Amino acid sequence: LASMDAGPGFDPASFDAEQDPWFYYNIVLDSFGYPQLLQQGEPEPEASALAVIRRRPNLVLSAWSDDQIRRLLQVIVNNVVIARADARPPAVLHCPALLFAANGTEQEPSTAEMAESWRAVTHGPVEVVEIDCKHQHMLLPESVAVIGAALTSRLPAASRAASPSPAEP
């Protein structure tokens, strides 16, 4: 299991399922390095967000189509809805966990506290890989390169551990 800067629990109060679209567009904009420019009650948040993206041609989302950006928003909203609908305590996991932790800001909970929260629900080792960025910038190319390399180097061992051993003759 790999987690990006999050513990195993979800605080449903941290998101309001009835937020205006500007709220979710700001999550998208901030996650990809754009300034949060949209205000609550923005009359056309989608058009405003797309305009912000198109004004910054050297950032990641500028290469995406408007349709791809709309789909990204749908995924974020859907993830929040799913998490709010199932706010049960996490189940016990029987696997190793890999926590990618942003170390670019002071945050609550701390990286150590997040790792401990995973250890409490995981029957397996918990490894932490610190990423030199803020939480909201974990999807930028530099951070994704570190995450991708860490996953790539660990996948063969995880695959071997998940595969049953051949039966003895």
Protein backbone atom coordinates (compact mmCIF):
# COMPACT_ATOMS: atom_id res chain seq x y z
CA LEU A 1 0.00 0.00 0.00
CA ALA A 2 1.31 3.43 -0.87
CA SER A 3 -0.08 6.63 0.63
CA MET A 4 0.69 10.20 -0.30
CA ASP A 5 1.02 12.33 2.82
CA ALA A 6 -2.05 10.95 4.56
CA GLY A 7 -2.90 8.77 7.51
CA PRO A 8 -5.30 5.83 7.39
CA GLY A 9 -8.27 7.77 8.79
CA PHE A 10 -10.44 10.42 7.22
CA ASP A 11 -12.02 13.33 9.05
CA PRO A 12 -15.30 13.95 7.23
CA ALA A 13 -15.48 17.41 8.76
CA SER A 14 -12.37 18.38 6.78
CA PHE A 15 -14.47 18.57 3.60
CA ASP A 16 -18.00 19.79 3.15
CA ALA A 17 -19.69 17.67 0.49
CA GLU A 18 -21.83 20.66 -0.50
CA GLN A 19 -18.95 23.05 -1.24
CA ASP A 20 -19.19 25.27 -4.29
CA PRO A 21 -17.12 24.14 -7.27
CA TRP A 22 -14.55 26.91 -6.61
CA PHE A 23 -13.40 24.93 -3.56
CA TYR A 24 -12.53 21.86 -5.63
CA TYR A 25 -11.03 23.89 -8.47
CA ASN A 26 -8.74 25.56 -5.95
CA ILE A 27 -7.60 22.11 -4.79
CA VAL A 28 -6.73 21.24 -8.39
CA LEU A 29 -5.03 24.57 -9.06
CA ASP A 30 -2.98 24.51 -5.87
CA SER A 31 -1.98 20.86 -6.30
CA PHE A 32 -0.42 21.62 -9.66
CA GLY A 33 1.38 24.82 -8.63
CA TYR A 34 -1.17 27.42 -9.69
CA PRO A 35 -2.07 30.21 -7.27
CA GLN A 36 -5.47 29.91 -5.63
CA LEU A 37 -7.29 32.71 -7.35
CA LEU A 38 -10.92 31.64 -7.20
CA GLN A 39 -13.19 33.12 -4.58
CA GLN A 40 -16.22 31.57 -2.90
CA GLY A 41 -19.31 32.19 -4.97
CA GLU A 42 -17.30 32.70 -8.18
CA PRO A 43 -20.03 32.97 -10.86
CA GLU A 44 -18.19 30.79 -13.41
CA PRO A 45 -15.55 28.83 -11.49
CA GLU A 46 -14.85 26.35 -14.28
CA ALA A 47 -14.21 29.07 -16.86
CA SER A 48 -12.13 31.04 -14.34
CA ALA A 49 -10.02 28.00 -13.43
CA LEU A 50 -9.42 27.14 -17.08
CA ALA A 51 -8.39 30.76 -17.73
CA VAL A 52 -5.88 30.61 -14.86
CA ILE A 53 -4.44 27.40 -16.32
CA ARG A 54 -4.23 28.78 -19.85
CA ARG A 55 -2.41 31.93 -18.61
CA ARG A 56 0.41 29.76 -17.20
CA PRO A 57 1.57 27.72 -20.24
CA ASN A 58 4.63 26.23 -18.52
CA LEU A 59 2.80 24.41 -15.73
CA VAL A 60 1.58 20.82 -15.88
CA LEU A 61 -2.11 21.30 -16.58
CA SER A 62 -1.52 23.62 -19.54
CA ALA A 63 -0.84 20.51 -21.64
CA TRP A 64 -4.17 18.95 -20.60
CA SER A 65 -7.38 19.44 -22.55
CA ASP A 66 -10.32 21.19 -20.93
CA ASP A 67 -12.10 17.84 -20.84
CA GLN A 68 -9.21 16.17 -18.98
CA ILE A 69 -9.22 18.97 -16.41
CA ARG A 70 -12.99 18.60 -15.92
CA ARG A 71 -12.51 14.85 -15.39
CA LEU A 72 -9.81 15.51 -12.80
CA LEU A 73 -12.29 17.68 -10.90
CA GLN A 74 -14.88 14.89 -11.08
CA VAL A 75 -12.37 12.41 -9.61
CA ILE A 76 -11.56 14.74 -6.70
CA VAL A 77 -15.24 15.39 -5.93
CA ASN A 78 -16.03 11.67 -6.20
CA ASN A 79 -13.17 10.73 -3.84
CA VAL A 80 -14.47 13.16 -1.22
CA VAL A 81 -18.03 11.82 -1.58
CA ILE A 82 -16.80 8.21 -1.19
CA ALA A 83 -14.67 9.06 1.82
CA ARG A 84 -17.52 10.93 3.51
CA ALA A 85 -19.91 8.02 2.91
CA ASP A 86 -17.58 5.52 4.56
CA ALA A 87 -15.98 7.19 7.56
CA ARG A 88 -15.48 3.92 9.47
CA PRO A 89 -12.18 3.30 11.21
CA PRO A 90 -9.65 1.73 8.84
CA ALA A 91 -9.46 -2.04 8.61
CA VAL A 92 -6.29 -3.87 9.61
CA LEU A 93 -4.00 -4.26 6.63
CA HIS A 94 -1.82 -7.31 6.06
CA CYS A 95 0.82 -5.75 3.84
CA PRO A 96 3.75 -3.37 3.91
CA ALA A 97 2.94 0.33 3.73
CA LEU A 98 4.90 3.05 1.99
CA LEU A 99 4.18 6.60 3.13
CA PHE A 100 5.27 9.46 0.90
CA ALA A 101 5.49 12.46 3.22
CA ALA A 102 5.85 16.08 2.16
CA ASN A 103 8.46 17.75 4.33
CA GLY A 104 8.13 21.28 2.95
CA THR A 105 5.73 22.58 5.59
CA GLU A 106 4.92 22.20 9.23
CA GLN A 107 1.82 20.06 9.28
CA GLU A 108 -0.51 18.31 11.65
CA PRO A 109 -0.18 15.45 12.05
CA SER A 110 3.60 15.26 11.70
CA THR A 111 5.28 12.70 9.48
CA ALA A 112 6.19 10.64 12.56
CA GLU A 113 2.57 10.72 13.76
CA MET A 114 1.28 9.68 10.33
CA ALA A 115 3.74 6.79 10.21
CA GLU A 116 2.63 5.66 13.68
CA SER A 117 -1.03 5.81 12.64
CA TRP A 118 -0.19 3.44 9.75
CA ARG A 119 1.73 1.12 12.08
CA ALA A 120 -1.38 0.88 14.28
CA VAL A 121 -3.41 -0.62 11.40
CA THR A 122 -0.75 -2.48 9.41
CA HIS A 123 0.66 -5.94 10.02
CA GLY A 124 3.75 -5.26 8.01
CA PRO A 125 6.55 -2.73 7.86
CA VAL A 126 5.81 0.96 7.34
CA GLU A 127 8.44 2.82 5.36
CA VAL A 128 8.55 6.60 4.98
CA VAL A 129 9.95 8.39 1.94
CA GLU A 130 10.17 12.14 2.49
CA ILE A 131 9.49 14.36 -0.49
CA ASP A 132 11.03 17.83 -0.54
CA CYS A 133 7.85 19.78 -1.25
CA LYS A 134 4.68 21.13 0.29
CA HIS A 135 1.73 18.73 0.55
CA GLN A 136 -0.21 20.48 -2.17
CA HIS A 137 2.74 20.14 -4.57
CA MET A 138 3.15 16.37 -4.40
CA LEU A 139 1.71 16.03 -7.91
CA LEU A 140 4.25 18.36 -9.52
CA PRO A 141 6.79 16.70 -11.84
CA GLU A 142 9.75 16.89 -9.45
CA SER A 143 7.81 15.17 -6.66
CA VAL A 144 6.20 12.62 -8.95
CA ALA A 145 9.67 11.69 -10.26
CA VAL A 146 10.80 10.84 -6.71
CA ILE A 147 7.58 8.94 -5.99
CA GLY A 148 7.78 7.05 -9.27
CA ALA A 149 11.40 6.03 -8.68
CA ALA A 150 10.60 4.85 -5.14
CA LEU A 151 7.64 2.79 -6.33
CA THR A 152 9.58 1.35 -9.27
CA SER A 153 12.42 0.22 -7.04
CA ARG A 154 10.03 -1.48 -4.58
CA LEU A 155 7.53 -3.12 -6.95
CA PRO A 156 9.57 -6.25 -7.76
CA ALA A 157 9.94 -7.15 -4.08
CA ALA A 158 6.26 -6.39 -3.41
CA SER A 159 5.25 -8.55 -6.35
CA ARG A 160 7.38 -11.45 -5.13
CA ALA A 161 5.96 -11.13 -1.61
CA ALA A 162 2.36 -11.11 -2.93
CA SER A 163 2.83 -14.16 -5.18
CA PRO A 164 2.30 -17.55 -3.59
CA SER A 165 5.36 -19.79 -3.50
CA PRO A 166 5.28 -22.78 -5.82
CA ALA A 167 4.18 -25.91 -4.02
CA GLU A 168 6.90 -28.32 -2.93
CA PRO A 169 6.92 -31.54 -5.03
